[in-house]
Amino acid sequence: MISKKTKYGLQAALLLAQEYGQGPLLISDLAHRGKIPKKFLEYILLQLKNAGVLQSRKGKGGGYELAKPPAEISVGRAIRALEGSLAPVACVSETAYQRCTECDEATCGIRLVMKDVRDAMAGILDHTSLQDMLNRSEDERRKLQGVVDFQI
């Protein structure tokens, strides 16, 4: 389960993705639009900035914006910036590996299944961009409104 911090971080990143190319947004605007506590959001945005997901500008016209176009930022990258490893257990982590002392890693059934879980999660999250999330959300909004989008 992702933390509230990560959920808020993804919400803010999606708000910035919607506004991509229109300049930076103030923390107060992001907090208000996303219904996110401002002080907590400051901390979250700083982590995303330090991970290269966001960039910031100071002064008049300043604020936060995505460091790259939304189609170039994976959800996995944003989640790792806030949560750390995607692995459910340390012995299958690619970024925070710790040897398991209670089992034989080569044959441990728990480790083998948790590696599959990590690989499946990483496969989805690393191949889903912020733009993909925006598109999916918009598609669902259209379906709920009964709008049909025909393309040939």
N, C-alpha and C. Protein backbone atom coordinates (compact mmCIF):
# COMPACT_ATOMS: atom_id res chain seq x y z
N MET A 1 0.84 -1.17 0.00
CA MET A 1 0.00 0.00 0.00
C MET A 1 0.90 1.24 0.00
N ILE A 2 0.58 2.21 -0.86
CA ILE A 2 1.37 3.43 -0.85
C ILE A 2 0.94 4.33 0.30
N SER A 3 1.86 5.14 0.76
CA SER A 3 1.58 6.04 1.88
C SER A 3 0.77 7.25 1.41
N LYS A 4 0.23 7.97 2.37
CA LYS A 4 -0.49 9.20 2.09
C LYS A 4 0.46 10.19 1.40
N LYS A 5 1.72 10.21 1.84
CA LYS A 5 2.72 11.08 1.24
C LYS A 5 2.84 10.81 -0.26
N THR A 6 2.91 9.55 -0.64
CA THR A 6 3.05 9.19 -2.05
C THR A 6 1.78 9.51 -2.82
N LYS A 7 0.63 9.26 -2.22
CA LYS A 7 -0.63 9.60 -2.89
C LYS A 7 -0.70 11.11 -3.14
N TYR A 8 -0.35 11.90 -2.14
CA TYR A 8 -0.33 13.35 -2.31
C TYR A 8 0.70 13.76 -3.38
N GLY A 9 1.85 13.12 -3.37
CA GLY A 9 2.89 13.42 -4.35
C GLY A 9 2.42 13.14 -5.77
N LEU A 10 1.73 12.01 -5.95
CA LEU A 10 1.20 11.69 -7.27
C LEU A 10 0.10 12.67 -7.67
N GLN A 11 -0.75 13.06 -6.72
CA GLN A 11 -1.79 14.04 -7.01
C GLN A 11 -1.16 15.35 -7.49
N ALA A 12 -0.15 15.81 -6.78
CA ALA A 12 0.52 17.06 -7.15
C ALA A 12 1.19 16.92 -8.51
N ALA A 13 1.84 15.80 -8.76
CA ALA A 13 2.49 15.57 -10.05
C ALA A 13 1.47 15.57 -11.18
N LEU A 14 0.30 14.99 -10.94
CA LEU A 14 -0.75 14.99 -11.97
C LEU A 14 -1.30 16.39 -12.21
N LEU A 15 -1.43 17.18 -11.16
CA LEU A 15 -1.85 18.58 -11.34
C LEU A 15 -0.82 19.33 -12.18
N LEU A 16 0.45 19.11 -11.89
CA LEU A 16 1.51 19.75 -12.67
C LEU A 16 1.54 19.23 -14.10
N ALA A 17 1.22 17.96 -14.28
CA ALA A 17 1.17 17.39 -15.63
C ALA A 17 0.04 18.03 -16.45
N GLN A 18 -1.09 18.28 -15.81
CA GLN A 18 -2.22 18.93 -16.50
C GLN A 18 -1.84 20.33 -16.97
N GLU A 19 -0.98 20.98 -16.22
CA GLU A 19 -0.59 22.36 -16.51
C GLU A 19 0.77 22.45 -17.21
N TYR A 20 1.30 21.32 -17.65
CA TYR A 20 2.65 21.31 -18.22
C TYR A 20 2.76 22.29 -19.39
N GLY A 21 3.85 23.03 -19.38
CA GLY A 21 4.10 24.00 -20.45
C GLY A 21 3.49 25.37 -20.20
N GLN A 22 2.76 25.53 -19.11
CA GLN A 22 2.12 26.80 -18.81
C GLN A 22 2.82 27.54 -17.68
N GLY A 23 3.99 27.07 -17.28
CA GLY A 23 4.75 27.72 -16.22
C GLY A 23 4.53 27.05 -14.89
N PRO A 24 5.35 27.45 -13.92
CA PRO A 24 5.29 26.82 -12.59
C PRO A 24 4.02 27.20 -11.82
N LEU A 25 3.66 26.33 -10.89
CA LEU A 25 2.53 26.57 -9.99
C LEU A 25 3.04 26.75 -8.57
N LEU A 26 2.40 27.64 -7.86
CA LEU A 26 2.75 27.87 -6.46
C LEU A 26 2.33 26.71 -5.59
N ILE A 27 3.07 26.47 -4.53
CA ILE A 27 2.72 25.41 -3.59
C ILE A 27 1.32 25.62 -3.05
N SER A 28 0.99 26.86 -2.73
CA SER A 28 -0.33 27.14 -2.17
C SER A 28 -1.44 26.78 -3.15
N ASP A 29 -1.23 27.01 -4.45
CA ASP A 29 -2.23 26.63 -5.46
C ASP A 29 -2.37 25.12 -5.56
N LEU A 30 -1.22 24.43 -5.57
CA LEU A 30 -1.25 22.96 -5.63
C LEU A 30 -1.93 22.39 -4.40
N ALA A 31 -1.62 22.94 -3.24
CA ALA A 31 -2.20 22.45 -1.99
C ALA A 31 -3.72 22.65 -2.01
N HIS A 32 -4.15 23.82 -2.45
CA HIS A 32 -5.59 24.11 -2.49
C HIS A 32 -6.30 23.21 -3.50
N ARG A 33 -5.76 23.12 -4.72
CA ARG A 33 -6.41 22.32 -5.76
C ARG A 33 -6.42 20.84 -5.45
N GLY A 34 -5.36 20.36 -4.80
CA GLY A 34 -5.26 18.94 -4.48
C GLY A 34 -5.79 18.58 -3.11
N LYS A 35 -6.24 19.59 -2.36
CA LYS A 35 -6.71 19.37 -0.99
C LYS A 35 -5.63 18.66 -0.16
N ILE A 36 -4.40 19.20 -0.25
CA ILE A 36 -3.23 18.63 0.40
C ILE A 36 -2.72 19.64 1.43
N PRO A 37 -2.41 19.21 2.65
CA PRO A 37 -1.84 20.14 3.63
C PRO A 37 -0.56 20.79 3.09
N LYS A 38 -0.51 22.12 3.13
CA LYS A 38 0.58 22.87 2.49
C LYS A 38 1.96 22.50 3.02
N LYS A 39 2.13 22.43 4.33
CA LYS A 39 3.45 22.12 4.90
C LYS A 39 3.92 20.72 4.49
N PHE A 40 3.00 19.78 4.48
CA PHE A 40 3.33 18.41 4.07
C PHE A 40 3.70 18.40 2.59
N LEU A 41 2.96 19.17 1.79
CA LEU A 41 3.22 19.24 0.35
C LEU A 41 4.60 19.83 0.08
N GLU A 42 5.02 20.82 0.84
CA GLU A 42 6.36 21.41 0.67
C GLU A 42 7.43 20.34 0.78
N TYR A 43 7.30 19.50 1.79
CA TYR A 43 8.25 18.40 2.02
C TYR A 43 8.23 17.41 0.85
N ILE A 44 7.04 17.07 0.40
CA ILE A 44 6.88 16.10 -0.70
C ILE A 44 7.48 16.64 -1.99
N LEU A 45 7.18 17.90 -2.31
CA LEU A 45 7.68 18.49 -3.55
C LEU A 45 9.20 18.59 -3.53
N LEU A 46 9.77 18.87 -2.38
CA LEU A 46 11.22 18.93 -2.27
C LEU A 46 11.84 17.56 -2.57
N GLN A 47 11.22 16.50 -2.07
CA GLN A 47 11.73 15.15 -2.36
C GLN A 47 11.64 14.86 -3.86
N LEU A 48 10.54 15.23 -4.49
CA LEU A 48 10.39 15.00 -5.92
C LEU A 48 11.37 15.85 -6.72
N LYS A 49 11.64 17.04 -6.25
CA LYS A 49 12.63 17.89 -6.90
C LYS A 49 14.02 17.27 -6.79
N ASN A 50 14.38 16.82 -5.59
CA ASN A 50 15.70 16.22 -5.38
C ASN A 50 15.89 14.95 -6.21
N ALA A 51 14.80 14.29 -6.56
CA ALA A 51 14.87 13.08 -7.38
C ALA A 51 14.83 13.40 -8.88
N GLY A 52 14.72 14.68 -9.23
CA GLY A 52 14.71 15.06 -10.64
C GLY A 52 13.36 14.96 -11.32
N VAL A 53 12.30 14.71 -10.56
CA VAL A 53 10.96 14.63 -11.13
C VAL A 53 10.40 16.03 -11.37
N LEU A 54 10.71 16.94 -10.45
CA LEU A 54 10.24 18.33 -10.54
C LEU A 54 11.42 19.28 -10.60
N GLN A 55 11.12 20.50 -10.99
CA GLN A 55 12.08 21.58 -10.86
C GLN A 55 11.34 22.78 -10.29
N SER A 56 12.09 23.71 -9.74
CA SER A 56 11.44 24.87 -9.13
C SER A 56 12.11 26.15 -9.59
N ARG A 57 11.33 27.21 -9.50
CA ARG A 57 11.85 28.56 -9.80
C ARG A 57 11.50 29.44 -8.61
N LYS A 58 12.44 30.30 -8.26
CA LYS A 58 12.21 31.23 -7.16
C LYS A 58 11.76 32.58 -7.70
N GLY A 59 11.20 33.36 -6.81
CA GLY A 59 10.83 34.72 -7.15
C GLY A 59 9.47 34.83 -7.82
N LYS A 60 9.22 36.03 -8.38
CA LYS A 60 7.95 36.29 -9.04
C LYS A 60 7.80 35.34 -10.23
N GLY A 61 6.64 34.72 -10.34
CA GLY A 61 6.41 33.74 -11.40
C GLY A 61 7.03 32.40 -11.09
N GLY A 62 7.47 32.22 -9.85
CA GLY A 62 8.11 30.97 -9.46
C GLY A 62 7.13 29.92 -9.01
N GLY A 63 7.66 28.80 -8.60
CA GLY A 63 6.85 27.68 -8.14
C GLY A 63 7.47 26.38 -8.64
N TYR A 64 6.65 25.36 -8.71
CA TYR A 64 7.11 24.04 -9.15
C TYR A 64 6.50 23.69 -10.49
N GLU A 65 7.27 22.91 -11.26
CA GLU A 65 6.80 22.35 -12.52
C GLU A 65 7.52 21.03 -12.76
N LEU A 66 6.99 20.24 -13.68
CA LEU A 66 7.65 18.97 -14.01
C LEU A 66 9.00 19.25 -14.66
N ALA A 67 9.97 18.41 -14.38
CA ALA A 67 11.31 18.56 -14.95
C ALA A 67 11.35 18.13 -16.42
N LYS A 68 10.39 17.31 -16.82
CA LYS A 68 10.29 16.79 -18.20
C LYS A 68 8.83 16.74 -18.58
N PRO A 69 8.53 16.52 -19.85
CA PRO A 69 7.13 16.35 -20.24
C PRO A 69 6.50 15.17 -19.50
N PRO A 70 5.19 15.23 -19.24
CA PRO A 70 4.52 14.16 -18.49
C PRO A 70 4.68 12.77 -19.10
N ALA A 71 4.83 12.70 -20.40
CA ALA A 71 5.00 11.40 -21.06
C ALA A 71 6.37 10.78 -20.79
N GLU A 72 7.30 11.58 -20.26
CA GLU A 72 8.66 11.10 -20.01
C GLU A 72 8.93 10.82 -18.53
N ILE A 73 7.93 10.97 -17.70
CA ILE A 73 8.12 10.71 -16.26
C ILE A 73 7.27 9.51 -15.87
N SER A 74 7.93 8.45 -15.45
CA SER A 74 7.19 7.24 -15.07
C SER A 74 6.63 7.36 -13.66
N VAL A 75 5.53 6.71 -13.45
CA VAL A 75 4.91 6.66 -12.12
C VAL A 75 5.87 5.95 -11.17
N GLY A 76 6.57 4.93 -11.65
CA GLY A 76 7.53 4.21 -10.82
C GLY A 76 8.62 5.12 -10.29
N ARG A 77 9.09 6.02 -11.12
CA ARG A 77 10.14 6.95 -10.68
C ARG A 77 9.63 7.86 -9.56
N ALA A 78 8.42 8.37 -9.73
CA ALA A 78 7.84 9.24 -8.70
C ALA A 78 7.62 8.48 -7.40
N ILE A 79 7.12 7.26 -7.49
CA ILE A 79 6.87 6.47 -6.29
C ILE A 79 8.18 6.14 -5.58
N ARG A 80 9.20 5.75 -6.34
CA ARG A 80 10.49 5.44 -5.71
C ARG A 80 11.08 6.66 -5.02
N ALA A 81 10.87 7.84 -5.60
CA ALA A 81 11.38 9.07 -5.00
C ALA A 81 10.77 9.30 -3.62
N LEU A 82 9.54 8.86 -3.43
CA LEU A 82 8.84 9.10 -2.17
C LEU A 82 8.83 7.91 -1.23
N GLU A 83 8.79 6.71 -1.78
CA GLU A 83 8.67 5.49 -0.96
C GLU A 83 9.98 4.73 -0.82
N GLY A 84 10.87 4.90 -1.78
CA GLY A 84 12.05 4.05 -1.83
C GLY A 84 11.75 2.87 -2.73
N SER A 85 12.32 1.75 -2.43
CA SER A 85 12.19 0.54 -3.23
C SER A 85 10.73 0.09 -3.39
N LEU A 86 10.43 -0.49 -4.54
CA LEU A 86 9.11 -1.08 -4.77
C LEU A 86 8.99 -2.49 -4.20
N ALA A 87 10.11 -3.06 -3.82
CA ALA A 87 10.13 -4.45 -3.36
C ALA A 87 9.39 -4.63 -2.04
N PRO A 88 8.55 -5.69 -1.95
CA PRO A 88 7.84 -5.94 -0.70
C PRO A 88 8.73 -6.50 0.41
N VAL A 89 9.87 -7.09 0.06
CA VAL A 89 10.84 -7.56 1.04
C VAL A 89 12.24 -7.14 0.58
N ALA A 90 13.12 -6.85 1.53
CA ALA A 90 14.44 -6.29 1.22
C ALA A 90 15.32 -7.22 0.38
N CYS A 91 15.12 -8.53 0.50
CA CYS A 91 16.01 -9.46 -0.22
C CYS A 91 15.73 -9.54 -1.72
N VAL A 92 14.69 -8.84 -2.21
CA VAL A 92 14.44 -8.79 -3.66
C VAL A 92 14.57 -7.37 -4.20
N SER A 93 14.97 -6.44 -3.35
CA SER A 93 15.09 -5.05 -3.77
C SER A 93 16.30 -4.86 -4.67
N GLU A 94 16.13 -4.08 -5.72
CA GLU A 94 17.25 -3.75 -6.59
C GLU A 94 17.99 -2.51 -6.09
N THR A 95 17.33 -1.70 -5.27
CA THR A 95 17.94 -0.46 -4.80
C THR A 95 18.27 -0.47 -3.31
N ALA A 96 17.62 -1.33 -2.53
CA ALA A 96 17.85 -1.36 -1.08
C ALA A 96 18.01 -2.80 -0.60
N TYR A 97 18.74 -3.60 -1.36
CA TYR A 97 18.91 -5.02 -1.06
C TYR A 97 19.52 -5.22 0.32
N GLN A 98 18.95 -6.18 1.05
CA GLN A 98 19.53 -6.66 2.31
C GLN A 98 19.37 -8.17 2.32
N ARG A 99 20.44 -8.86 2.61
CA ARG A 99 20.42 -10.32 2.65
C ARG A 99 19.47 -10.79 3.74
N CYS A 100 18.71 -11.81 3.40
CA CYS A 100 17.76 -12.42 4.33
C CYS A 100 18.53 -13.44 5.17
N THR A 101 18.43 -13.33 6.47
CA THR A 101 19.19 -14.22 7.36
C THR A 101 18.44 -15.49 7.71
N GLU A 102 17.11 -15.51 7.49
CA GLU A 102 16.35 -16.68 7.91
C GLU A 102 16.15 -17.75 6.85
N CYS A 103 16.65 -17.55 5.65
CA CYS A 103 16.38 -18.55 4.62
C CYS A 103 17.53 -18.68 3.63
N ASP A 104 17.38 -19.65 2.76
CA ASP A 104 18.30 -19.82 1.64
C ASP A 104 17.69 -19.06 0.47
N GLU A 105 18.29 -17.95 0.10
CA GLU A 105 17.70 -17.08 -0.93
C GLU A 105 17.45 -17.80 -2.26
N ALA A 106 18.28 -18.74 -2.60
CA ALA A 106 18.15 -19.42 -3.89
C ALA A 106 16.88 -20.26 -3.98
N THR A 107 16.39 -20.76 -2.83
CA THR A 107 15.23 -21.66 -2.88
C THR A 107 14.04 -21.18 -2.06
N CYS A 108 14.14 -20.04 -1.43
CA CYS A 108 13.06 -19.56 -0.56
C CYS A 108 11.82 -19.21 -1.39
N GLY A 109 10.73 -19.88 -1.10
CA GLY A 109 9.48 -19.65 -1.82
C GLY A 109 8.95 -18.24 -1.62
N ILE A 110 9.10 -17.69 -0.42
CA ILE A 110 8.64 -16.32 -0.15
C ILE A 110 9.40 -15.35 -1.04
N ARG A 111 10.71 -15.48 -1.06
CA ARG A 111 11.54 -14.59 -1.87
C ARG A 111 11.20 -14.72 -3.34
N LEU A 112 11.03 -15.93 -3.83
CA LEU A 112 10.75 -16.14 -5.25
C LEU A 112 9.42 -15.49 -5.66
N VAL A 113 8.39 -15.63 -4.83
CA VAL A 113 7.10 -15.02 -5.14
C VAL A 113 7.18 -13.50 -5.01
N MET A 114 7.86 -13.01 -3.98
CA MET A 114 7.97 -11.56 -3.79
C MET A 114 8.79 -10.90 -4.90
N LYS A 115 9.72 -11.65 -5.48
CA LYS A 115 10.46 -11.13 -6.64
C LYS A 115 9.51 -10.98 -7.82
N ASP A 116 8.63 -11.94 -8.01
CA ASP A 116 7.63 -11.83 -9.08
C ASP A 116 6.71 -10.62 -8.85
N VAL A 117 6.34 -10.42 -7.59
CA VAL A 117 5.49 -9.27 -7.25
C VAL A 117 6.23 -7.97 -7.58
N ARG A 118 7.49 -7.88 -7.16
CA ARG A 118 8.29 -6.68 -7.45
C ARG A 118 8.41 -6.45 -8.94
N ASP A 119 8.70 -7.51 -9.69
CA ASP A 119 8.86 -7.39 -11.14
C ASP A 119 7.56 -6.95 -11.82
N ALA A 120 6.43 -7.49 -11.36
CA ALA A 120 5.14 -7.11 -11.94
C ALA A 120 4.81 -5.65 -11.65
N MET A 121 5.03 -5.25 -10.41
CA MET A 121 4.77 -3.85 -10.04
C MET A 121 5.68 -2.91 -10.82
N ALA A 122 6.95 -3.22 -10.87
CA ALA A 122 7.90 -2.36 -11.58
C ALA A 122 7.55 -2.32 -13.07
N GLY A 123 7.14 -3.45 -13.63
CA GLY A 123 6.77 -3.49 -15.04
C GLY A 123 5.62 -2.55 -15.36
N ILE A 124 4.64 -2.52 -14.50
CA ILE A 124 3.49 -1.62 -14.71
C ILE A 124 3.88 -0.17 -14.43
N LEU A 125 4.44 0.08 -13.25
CA LEU A 125 4.72 1.45 -12.84
C LEU A 125 5.81 2.12 -13.67
N ASP A 126 6.81 1.36 -14.10
CA ASP A 126 7.89 1.94 -14.89
C ASP A 126 7.50 2.16 -16.35
N HIS A 127 6.42 1.52 -16.78
CA HIS A 127 5.95 1.69 -18.16
C HIS A 127 4.65 2.49 -18.23
N THR A 128 4.31 3.14 -17.13
CA THR A 128 3.15 4.02 -17.09
C THR A 128 3.64 5.41 -16.75
N SER A 129 3.36 6.36 -17.63
CA SER A 129 3.81 7.73 -17.41
C SER A 129 2.72 8.56 -16.75
N LEU A 130 3.10 9.74 -16.30
CA LEU A 130 2.10 10.66 -15.77
C LEU A 130 1.07 10.99 -16.85
N GLN A 131 1.52 11.09 -18.10
CA GLN A 131 0.59 11.35 -19.20
C GLN A 131 -0.39 10.19 -19.37
N ASP A 132 0.09 8.97 -19.23
CA ASP A 132 -0.79 7.80 -19.30
C ASP A 132 -1.86 7.87 -18.22
N MET A 133 -1.46 8.28 -17.01
CA MET A 133 -2.43 8.40 -15.92
C MET A 133 -3.48 9.47 -16.24
N LEU A 134 -3.03 10.60 -16.77
CA LEU A 134 -3.97 11.66 -17.15
C LEU A 134 -4.94 11.15 -18.22
N ASN A 135 -4.40 10.46 -19.21
CA ASN A 135 -5.24 9.94 -20.30
C ASN A 135 -6.28 8.94 -19.79
N ARG A 136 -5.86 8.06 -18.91
CA ARG A 136 -6.80 7.06 -18.36
C ARG A 136 -7.90 7.74 -17.57
N SER A 137 -7.52 8.73 -16.79
CA SER A 137 -8.49 9.46 -15.99
C SER A 137 -9.50 10.18 -16.89
N GLU A 138 -9.01 10.81 -17.94
CA GLU A 138 -9.90 11.51 -18.88
C GLU A 138 -10.80 10.52 -19.62
N ASP A 139 -10.27 9.38 -20.01
CA ASP A 139 -11.09 8.35 -20.67
C ASP A 139 -12.23 7.91 -19.76
N GLU A 140 -11.94 7.68 -18.50
CA GLU A 140 -12.98 7.26 -17.55
C GLU A 140 -14.01 8.37 -17.33
N ARG A 141 -13.54 9.61 -17.28
CA ARG A 141 -14.45 10.75 -17.13
C ARG A 141 -15.43 10.80 -18.31
N ARG A 142 -14.90 10.59 -19.51
CA ARG A 142 -15.75 10.59 -20.71
C ARG A 142 -16.76 9.46 -20.67
N LYS A 143 -16.33 8.29 -20.26
CA LYS A 143 -17.25 7.14 -20.17
C LYS A 143 -18.39 7.44 -19.22
N LEU A 144 -18.06 8.02 -18.07
CA LEU A 144 -19.08 8.34 -17.08
C LEU A 144 -20.06 9.39 -17.57
N GLN A 145 -19.57 10.26 -18.44
CA GLN A 145 -20.45 11.31 -19.00
C GLN A 145 -21.18 10.83 -20.24
N GLY A 146 -20.87 9.62 -20.69
CA GLY A 146 -21.54 9.07 -21.87
C GLY A 146 -21.00 9.62 -23.17
N VAL A 147 -19.80 10.20 -23.16
CA VAL A 147 -19.18 10.73 -24.37
C VAL A 147 -18.42 9.60 -25.05
N VAL A 148 -18.67 9.41 -26.31
CA VAL A 148 -17.99 8.37 -27.06
C VAL A 148 -16.98 9.05 -27.98
N ASP A 149 -15.74 8.57 -27.96
CA ASP A 149 -14.68 9.14 -28.77
C ASP A 149 -14.39 8.17 -29.91
N PHE A 150 -14.86 8.48 -31.12
CA PHE A 150 -14.61 7.64 -32.28
C PHE A 150 -13.36 8.09 -32.98
N GLN A 151 -12.50 7.13 -33.28
CA GLN A 151 -11.29 7.44 -34.03
C GLN A 151 -11.14 6.42 -35.14
N ILE A 152 -10.68 6.90 -36.27
CA ILE A 152 -10.45 5.98 -37.41
C ILE A 152 -9.00 6.00 -37.76
